[in-house]
Amino acid sequence: MITVTRFNRSRFVINADWIETIESTPDTVITLTNGKKFVVSETVEEVVDLVIKYKQKIFFLDRLINTNTQNDDN
């Protein structure tokens, strides 16, 4: 999940796994796999960075959990 900002400054959370496209029109438009669109104040690059950080966190936590589980079985 990533937190982004509408132009009225309200913040909301989007499931990063559901993002299909991010485009600059010149406003940043995030399109989800269900066709829903959101216009946000972050740049395309900022949204991409948020998604990368989210995926890195998930990957790290998954590795941490799986490593701890393997150690518990010994």
PDB file of N, CA and C in Angstrom:
ATOM      1  N   MET A   1       0.844  -1.171   0.000  1.00  0.00           N
ATOM      2  CA  MET A   1       0.000   0.000   0.000  1.00  0.00           C
ATOM      3  C   MET A   1       0.898   1.245   0.000  1.00  0.00           C
ATOM      4  N   ILE A   2       0.491   2.231  -0.787  1.00  0.00           N
ATOM      5  CA  ILE A   2       1.226   3.500  -0.817  1.00  0.00           C
ATOM      6  C   ILE A   2       0.258   4.639  -0.519  1.00  0.00           C
ATOM      7  N   THR A   3       0.762   5.669   0.125  1.00  0.00           N
ATOM      8  CA  THR A   3      -0.044   6.841   0.442  1.00  0.00           C
ATOM      9  C   THR A   3       0.269   7.939  -0.559  1.00  0.00           C
ATOM     10  N   VAL A   4      -0.777   8.483  -1.180  1.00  0.00           N
ATOM     11  CA  VAL A   4      -0.632   9.556  -2.164  1.00  0.00           C
ATOM     12  C   VAL A   4      -1.573  10.701  -1.792  1.00  0.00           C
ATOM     13  N   THR A   5      -1.442  11.819  -2.501  1.00  0.00           N
ATOM     14  CA  THR A   5      -2.167  13.032  -2.143  1.00  0.00           C
ATOM     15  C   THR A   5      -3.013  13.536  -3.297  1.00  0.00           C
ATOM     16  N   ARG A   6      -4.280  13.828  -3.004  1.00  0.00           N
ATOM     17  CA  ARG A   6      -5.141  14.484  -3.994  1.00  0.00           C
ATOM     18  C   ARG A   6      -4.760  15.965  -4.056  1.00  0.00           C
ATOM     19  N   PHE A   7      -5.265  16.673  -5.045  1.00  0.00           N
ATOM     20  CA  PHE A   7      -4.948  18.092  -5.166  1.00  0.00           C
ATOM     21  C   PHE A   7      -5.580  18.940  -4.064  1.00  0.00           C
ATOM     22  N   ASN A   8      -6.615  18.415  -3.383  1.00  0.00           N
ATOM     23  CA  ASN A   8      -7.199  19.150  -2.256  1.00  0.00           C
ATOM     24  C   ASN A   8      -6.438  18.865  -0.962  1.00  0.00           C
ATOM     25  N   ARG A   9      -5.278  18.234  -1.102  1.00  0.00           N
ATOM     26  CA  ARG A   9      -4.350  17.915  -0.013  1.00  0.00           C
ATOM     27  C   ARG A   9      -4.799  16.755   0.879  1.00  0.00           C
ATOM     28  N   SER A  10      -5.905  16.101   0.561  1.00  0.00           N
ATOM     29  CA  SER A  10      -6.293  14.921   1.337  1.00  0.00           C
ATOM     30  C   SER A  10      -5.441  13.739   0.880  1.00  0.00           C
ATOM     31  N   ARG A  11      -5.059  12.930   1.848  1.00  0.00           N
ATOM     32  CA  ARG A  11      -4.198  11.792   1.552  1.00  0.00           C
ATOM     33  C   ARG A  11      -5.038  10.524   1.571  1.00  0.00           C
ATOM     34  N   PHE A  12      -4.668   9.571   0.715  1.00  0.00           N
ATOM     35  CA  PHE A  12      -5.361   8.289   0.699  1.00  0.00           C
ATOM     36  C   PHE A  12      -4.374   7.198   0.297  1.00  0.00           C
ATOM     37  N   VAL A  13      -4.794   5.969   0.493  1.00  0.00           N
ATOM     38  CA  VAL A  13      -3.907   4.827   0.282  1.00  0.00           C
ATOM     39  C   VAL A  13      -4.393   4.015  -0.914  1.00  0.00           C
ATOM     40  N   ILE A  14      -3.448   3.628  -1.750  1.00  0.00           N
ATOM     41  CA  ILE A  14      -3.733   2.801  -2.924  1.00  0.00           C
ATOM     42  C   ILE A  14      -2.959   1.493  -2.786  1.00  0.00           C
ATOM     43  N   ASN A  15      -3.597   0.405  -3.177  1.00  0.00           N
ATOM     44  CA  ASN A  15      -2.917  -0.884  -3.221  1.00  0.00           C
ATOM     45  C   ASN A  15      -1.953  -0.859  -4.413  1.00  0.00           C
ATOM     46  N   ALA A  16      -0.662  -0.850  -4.124  1.00  0.00           N
ATOM     47  CA  ALA A  16       0.352  -0.739  -5.177  1.00  0.00           C
ATOM     48  C   ALA A  16       0.306  -1.910  -6.146  1.00  0.00           C
ATOM     49  N   ASP A  17      -0.192  -3.051  -5.698  1.00  0.00           N
ATOM     50  CA  ASP A  17      -0.276  -4.222  -6.573  1.00  0.00           C
ATOM     51  C   ASP A  17      -1.354  -4.061  -7.636  1.00  0.00           C
ATOM     52  N   TRP A  18      -2.269  -3.138  -7.459  1.00  0.00           N
ATOM     53  CA  TRP A  18      -3.363  -2.928  -8.409  1.00  0.00           C
ATOM     54  C   TRP A  18      -3.066  -1.843  -9.434  1.00  0.00           C
ATOM     55  N   ILE A  19      -1.897  -1.208  -9.346  1.00  0.00           N
ATOM     56  CA  ILE A  19      -1.566  -0.142 -10.299  1.00  0.00           C
ATOM     57  C   ILE A  19      -1.230  -0.746 -11.647  1.00  0.00           C
ATOM     58  N   GLU A  20      -1.934  -0.281 -12.666  1.00  0.00           N
ATOM     59  CA  GLU A  20      -1.675  -0.732 -14.032  1.00  0.00           C
ATOM     60  C   GLU A  20      -0.785   0.259 -14.757  1.00  0.00           C
ATOM     61  N   THR A  21      -1.131   1.563 -14.662  1.00  0.00           N
ATOM     62  CA  THR A  21      -0.315   2.590 -15.304  1.00  0.00           C
ATOM     63  C   THR A  21      -0.235   3.830 -14.427  1.00  0.00           C
ATOM     64  N   ILE A  22       0.854   4.584 -14.644  1.00  0.00           N
ATOM     65  CA  ILE A  22       1.032   5.900 -14.031  1.00  0.00           C
ATOM     66  C   ILE A  22       1.466   6.807 -15.169  1.00  0.00           C
ATOM     67  N   GLU A  23       0.710   7.878 -15.400  1.00  0.00           N
ATOM     68  CA  GLU A  23       1.049   8.750 -16.518  1.00  0.00           C
ATOM     69  C   GLU A  23       0.981  10.214 -16.111  1.00  0.00           C
ATOM     70  N   SER A  24       1.707  11.024 -16.848  1.00  0.00           N
ATOM     71  CA  SER A  24       1.723  12.462 -16.635  1.00  0.00           C
ATOM     72  C   SER A  24       0.987  13.104 -17.796  1.00  0.00           C
ATOM     73  N   THR A  25      -0.117  13.844 -17.486  1.00  0.00           N
ATOM     74  CA  THR A  25      -0.978  14.349 -18.572  1.00  0.00           C
ATOM     75  C   THR A  25      -1.240  15.845 -18.571  1.00  0.00           C
ATOM     76  N   PRO A  26      -0.639  16.808 -18.000  1.00  0.00           N
ATOM     77  CA  PRO A  26       0.569  16.825 -17.189  1.00  0.00           C
ATOM     78  C   PRO A  26       0.351  16.422 -15.733  1.00  0.00           C
ATOM     79  N   ASP A  27      -0.912  16.372 -15.252  1.00  0.00           N
ATOM     80  CA  ASP A  27      -1.130  15.881 -13.890  1.00  0.00           C
ATOM     81  C   ASP A  27      -0.843  14.383 -13.852  1.00  0.00           C
ATOM     82  N   THR A  28      -0.453  13.891 -12.693  1.00  0.00           N
ATOM     83  CA  THR A  28      -0.168  12.468 -12.558  1.00  0.00           C
ATOM     84  C   THR A  28      -1.470  11.712 -12.376  1.00  0.00           C
ATOM     85  N   VAL A  29      -1.709  10.747 -13.265  1.00  0.00           N
ATOM     86  CA  VAL A  29      -2.913   9.927 -13.228  1.00  0.00           C
ATOM     87  C   VAL A  29      -2.502   8.484 -12.992  1.00  0.00           C
ATOM     88  N   ILE A  30      -3.040   7.900 -11.913  1.00  0.00           N
ATOM     89  CA  ILE A  30      -2.800   6.494 -11.598  1.00  0.00           C
ATOM     90  C   ILE A  30      -4.039   5.718 -12.027  1.00  0.00           C
ATOM     91  N   THR A  31      -3.839   4.715 -12.872  1.00  0.00           N
ATOM     92  CA  THR A  31      -4.939   3.859 -13.309  1.00  0.00           C
ATOM     93  C   THR A  31      -4.749   2.482 -12.692  1.00  0.00           C
ATOM     94  N   LEU A  32      -5.795   1.997 -12.031  1.00  0.00           N
ATOM     95  CA  LEU A  32      -5.751   0.675 -11.419  1.00  0.00           C
ATOM     96  C   LEU A  32      -6.208  -0.389 -12.418  1.00  0.00           C
ATOM     97  N   THR A  33      -5.972  -1.635 -12.085  1.00  0.00           N
ATOM     98  CA  THR A  33      -6.339  -2.734 -12.980  1.00  0.00           C
ATOM     99  C   THR A  33      -7.842  -2.838 -13.186  1.00  0.00           C
ATOM    100  N   ASN A  34      -8.641  -2.260 -12.274  1.00  0.00           N
ATOM    101  CA  ASN A  34     -10.102  -2.289 -12.435  1.00  0.00           C
ATOM    102  C   ASN A  34     -10.610  -1.099 -13.249  1.00  0.00           C
ATOM    103  N   GLY A  35      -9.693  -0.265 -13.759  1.00  0.00           N
ATOM    104  CA  GLY A  35     -10.051   0.873 -14.589  1.00  0.00           C
ATOM    105  C   GLY A  35     -10.255   2.168 -13.826  1.00  0.00           C
ATOM    106  N   LYS A  36     -10.267   2.110 -12.501  1.00  0.00           N
ATOM    107  CA  LYS A  36     -10.446   3.310 -11.690  1.00  0.00           C
ATOM    108  C   LYS A  36      -9.215   4.200 -11.826  1.00  0.00           C
ATOM    109  N   LYS A  37      -9.443   5.522 -11.932  1.00  0.00           N
ATOM    110  CA  LYS A  37      -8.346   6.476 -12.115  1.00  0.00           C
ATOM    111  C   LYS A  37      -8.307   7.460 -10.947  1.00  0.00           C
ATOM    112  N   PHE A  38      -7.094   7.838 -10.579  1.00  0.00           N
ATOM    113  CA  PHE A  38      -6.887   8.819  -9.523  1.00  0.00           C
ATOM    114  C   PHE A  38      -5.885   9.852 -10.004  1.00  0.00           C
ATOM    115  N   VAL A  39      -6.200  11.128  -9.805  1.00  0.00           N
ATOM    116  CA  VAL A  39      -5.267  12.220 -10.109  1.00  0.00           C
ATOM    117  C   VAL A  39      -4.617  12.606  -8.795  1.00  0.00           C
ATOM    118  N   VAL A  40      -3.293  12.595  -8.765  1.00  0.00           N
ATOM    119  CA  VAL A  40      -2.555  12.864  -7.532  1.00  0.00           C
ATOM    120  C   VAL A  40      -1.539  13.976  -7.750  1.00  0.00           C
ATOM    121  N   SER A  41      -1.091  14.566  -6.654  1.00  0.00           N
ATOM    122  CA  SER A  41      -0.141  15.680  -6.756  1.00  0.00           C
ATOM    123  C   SER A  41       1.306  15.205  -6.867  1.00  0.00           C
ATOM    124  N   GLU A  42       1.593  13.961  -6.528  1.00  0.00           N
ATOM    125  CA  GLU A  42       2.945  13.439  -6.671  1.00  0.00           C
ATOM    126  C   GLU A  42       3.293  13.299  -8.148  1.00  0.00           C
ATOM    127  N   THR A  43       4.582  13.387  -8.455  1.00  0.00           N
ATOM    128  CA  THR A  43       5.032  13.168  -9.834  1.00  0.00           C
ATOM    129  C   THR A  43       5.042  11.669 -10.123  1.00  0.00           C
ATOM    130  N   VAL A  44       5.158  11.337 -11.401  1.00  0.00           N
ATOM    131  CA  VAL A  44       5.261   9.930 -11.792  1.00  0.00           C
ATOM    132  C   VAL A  44       6.455   9.282 -11.092  1.00  0.00           C
ATOM    133  N   GLU A  45       7.577   9.983 -11.079  1.00  0.00           N
ATOM    134  CA  GLU A  45       8.790   9.451 -10.454  1.00  0.00           C
ATOM    135  C   GLU A  45       8.583   9.201  -8.962  1.00  0.00           C
ATOM    136  N   GLU A  46       7.873  10.113  -8.282  1.00  0.00           N
ATOM    137  CA  GLU A  46       7.610   9.933  -6.847  1.00  0.00           C
ATOM    138  C   GLU A  46       6.724   8.710  -6.593  1.00  0.00           C
ATOM    139  N   VAL A  47       5.720   8.522  -7.423  1.00  0.00           N
ATOM    140  CA  VAL A  47       4.838   7.361  -7.258  1.00  0.00           C
ATOM    141  C   VAL A  47       5.627   6.080  -7.500  1.00  0.00           C
ATOM    142  N   VAL A  48       6.450   6.063  -8.526  1.00  0.00           N
ATOM    143  CA  VAL A  48       7.283   4.893  -8.804  1.00  0.00           C
ATOM    144  C   VAL A  48       8.190   4.603  -7.620  1.00  0.00           C
ATOM    145  N   ASP A  49       8.808   5.631  -7.049  1.00  0.00           N
ATOM    146  CA  ASP A  49       9.663   5.450  -5.874  1.00  0.00           C
ATOM    147  C   ASP A  49       8.880   4.885  -4.690  1.00  0.00           C
ATOM    148  N   LEU A  50       7.655   5.366  -4.484  1.00  0.00           N
ATOM    149  CA  LEU A  50       6.815   4.835  -3.402  1.00  0.00           C
ATOM    150  C   LEU A  50       6.518   3.354  -3.601  1.00  0.00           C
ATOM    151  N   VAL A  51       6.232   2.982  -4.843  1.00  0.00           N
ATOM    152  CA  VAL A  51       5.945   1.577  -5.146  1.00  0.00           C
ATOM    153  C   VAL A  51       7.193   0.723  -4.914  1.00  0.00           C
ATOM    154  N   ILE A  52       8.344   1.203  -5.354  1.00  0.00           N
ATOM    155  CA  ILE A  52       9.595   0.464  -5.161  1.00  0.00           C
ATOM    156  C   ILE A  52       9.876   0.276  -3.670  1.00  0.00           C
ATOM    157  N   LYS A  53       9.729   1.324  -2.880  1.00  0.00           N
ATOM    158  CA  LYS A  53       9.969   1.222  -1.435  1.00  0.00           C
ATOM    159  C   LYS A  53       8.993   0.233  -0.790  1.00  0.00           C
ATOM    160  N   TYR A  54       7.744   0.264  -1.226  1.00  0.00           N
ATOM    161  CA  TYR A  54       6.739  -0.659  -0.704  1.00  0.00           C
ATOM    162  C   TYR A  54       7.129  -2.108  -1.043  1.00  0.00           C
ATOM    163  N   LYS A  55       7.499  -2.348  -2.295  1.00  0.00           N
ATOM    164  CA  LYS A  55       7.870  -3.705  -2.719  1.00  0.00           C
ATOM    165  C   LYS A  55       9.121  -4.185  -1.988  1.00  0.00           C
ATOM    166  N   GLN A  56      10.094  -3.294  -1.776  1.00  0.00           N
ATOM    167  CA  GLN A  56      11.301  -3.669  -1.037  1.00  0.00           C
ATOM    168  C   GLN A  56      10.957  -4.062   0.397  1.00  0.00           C
ATOM    169  N   LYS A  57      10.059  -3.299   1.023  1.00  0.00           N
ATOM    170  CA  LYS A  57       9.649  -3.592   2.390  1.00  0.00           C
ATOM    171  C   LYS A  57       8.959  -4.955   2.459  1.00  0.00           C
ATOM    172  N   ILE A  58       8.064  -5.224   1.521  1.00  0.00           N
ATOM    173  CA  ILE A  58       7.349  -6.501   1.491  1.00  0.00           C
ATOM    174  C   ILE A  58       8.324  -7.651   1.273  1.00  0.00           C
ATOM    175  N   PHE A  59       9.258  -7.484   0.351  1.00  0.00           N
ATOM    176  CA  PHE A  59      10.242  -8.525   0.075  1.00  0.00           C
ATOM    177  C   PHE A  59      11.092  -8.793   1.303  1.00  0.00           C
ATOM    178  N   PHE A  60      11.539  -7.724   1.982  1.00  0.00           N
ATOM    179  CA  PHE A  60      12.363  -7.869   3.177  1.00  0.00           C
ATOM    180  C   PHE A  60      11.591  -8.590   4.283  1.00  0.00           C
ATOM    181  N   LEU A  61      10.348  -8.182   4.511  1.00  0.00           N
ATOM    182  CA  LEU A  61       9.547  -8.819   5.556  1.00  0.00           C
ATOM    183  C   LEU A  61       9.271 -10.282   5.232  1.00  0.00           C
ATOM    184  N   ASP A  62       9.023 -10.590   3.974  1.00  0.00           N
ATOM    185  CA  ASP A  62       8.796 -11.969   3.568  1.00  0.00           C
ATOM    186  C   ASP A  62      10.036 -12.817   3.827  1.00  0.00           C
ATOM    187  N   ARG A  63      11.189 -12.287   3.458  1.00  0.00           N
ATOM    188  CA  ARG A  63      12.449 -13.013   3.704  1.00  0.00           C
ATOM    189  C   ARG A  63      12.690 -13.192   5.189  1.00  0.00           C
ATOM    190  N   LEU A  64      12.400 -12.172   5.975  1.00  0.00           N
ATOM    191  CA  LEU A  64      12.597 -12.237   7.418  1.00  0.00           C
ATOM    192  C   LEU A  64      11.692 -13.299   8.034  1.00  0.00           C
ATOM    193  N   ILE A  65      10.430 -13.306   7.647  1.00  0.00           N
ATOM    194  CA  ILE A  65       9.473 -14.276   8.182  1.00  0.00           C
ATOM    195  C   ILE A  65       9.856 -15.689   7.763  1.00  0.00           C
ATOM    196  N   ASN A  66      10.185 -15.873   6.503  1.00  0.00           N
ATOM    197  CA  ASN A  66      10.544 -17.210   6.022  1.00  0.00           C
ATOM    198  C   ASN A  66      11.842 -17.715   6.632  1.00  0.00           C
ATOM    199  N   THR A  67      12.788 -16.831   6.864  1.00  0.00           N
ATOM    200  CA  THR A  67      14.052 -17.231   7.503  1.00  0.00           C
ATOM    201  C   THR A  67      13.789 -17.640   8.940  1.00  0.00           C
ATOM    202  N   ASN A  68      12.964 -16.857   9.672  1.00  0.00           N
ATOM    203  CA  ASN A  68      12.650 -17.202  11.049  1.00  0.00           C
ATOM    204  C   ASN A  68      11.878 -18.506  11.147  1.00  0.00           C
ATOM    205  N   THR A  69      10.997 -18.778  10.213  1.00  0.00           N
ATOM    206  CA  THR A  69      10.239 -20.013  10.199  1.00  0.00           C
ATOM    207  C   THR A  69      11.145 -21.212   9.997  1.00  0.00           C
ATOM    208  N   GLN A  70      12.123 -21.081   9.095  1.00  0.00           N
ATOM    209  CA  GLN A  70      13.044 -22.177   8.847  1.00  0.00           C
ATOM    210  C   GLN A  70      13.891 -22.465  10.084  1.00  0.00           C
ATOM    211  N   ASN A  71      14.292 -21.429  10.805  1.00  0.00           N
ATOM    212  CA  ASN A  71      15.078 -21.623  12.022  1.00  0.00           C
ATOM    213  C   ASN A  71      14.272 -22.277  13.132  1.00  0.00           C
ATOM    214  N   ASP A  72      12.971 -22.045  13.174  1.00  0.00           N
ATOM    215  CA  ASP A  72      12.137 -22.631  14.207  1.00  0.00           C
ATOM    216  C   ASP A  72      11.962 -24.124  14.026  1.00  0.00           C
ATOM    217  N   ASP A  73      12.101 -24.628  12.794  1.00  0.00           N
ATOM    218  CA  ASP A  73      11.904 -26.038  12.514  1.00  0.00           C
ATOM    219  C   ASP A  73      13.081 -26.886  12.910  1.00  0.00           C
ATOM    220  N   ASN A  74      14.243 -26.292  13.112  1.00  0.00           N
ATOM    221  CA  ASN A  74      15.450 -27.060  13.433  1.00  0.00           C
ATOM    222  C   ASN A  74      15.480 -27.504  14.858  1.00  0.00           C
TER     223      ASN A  74
END
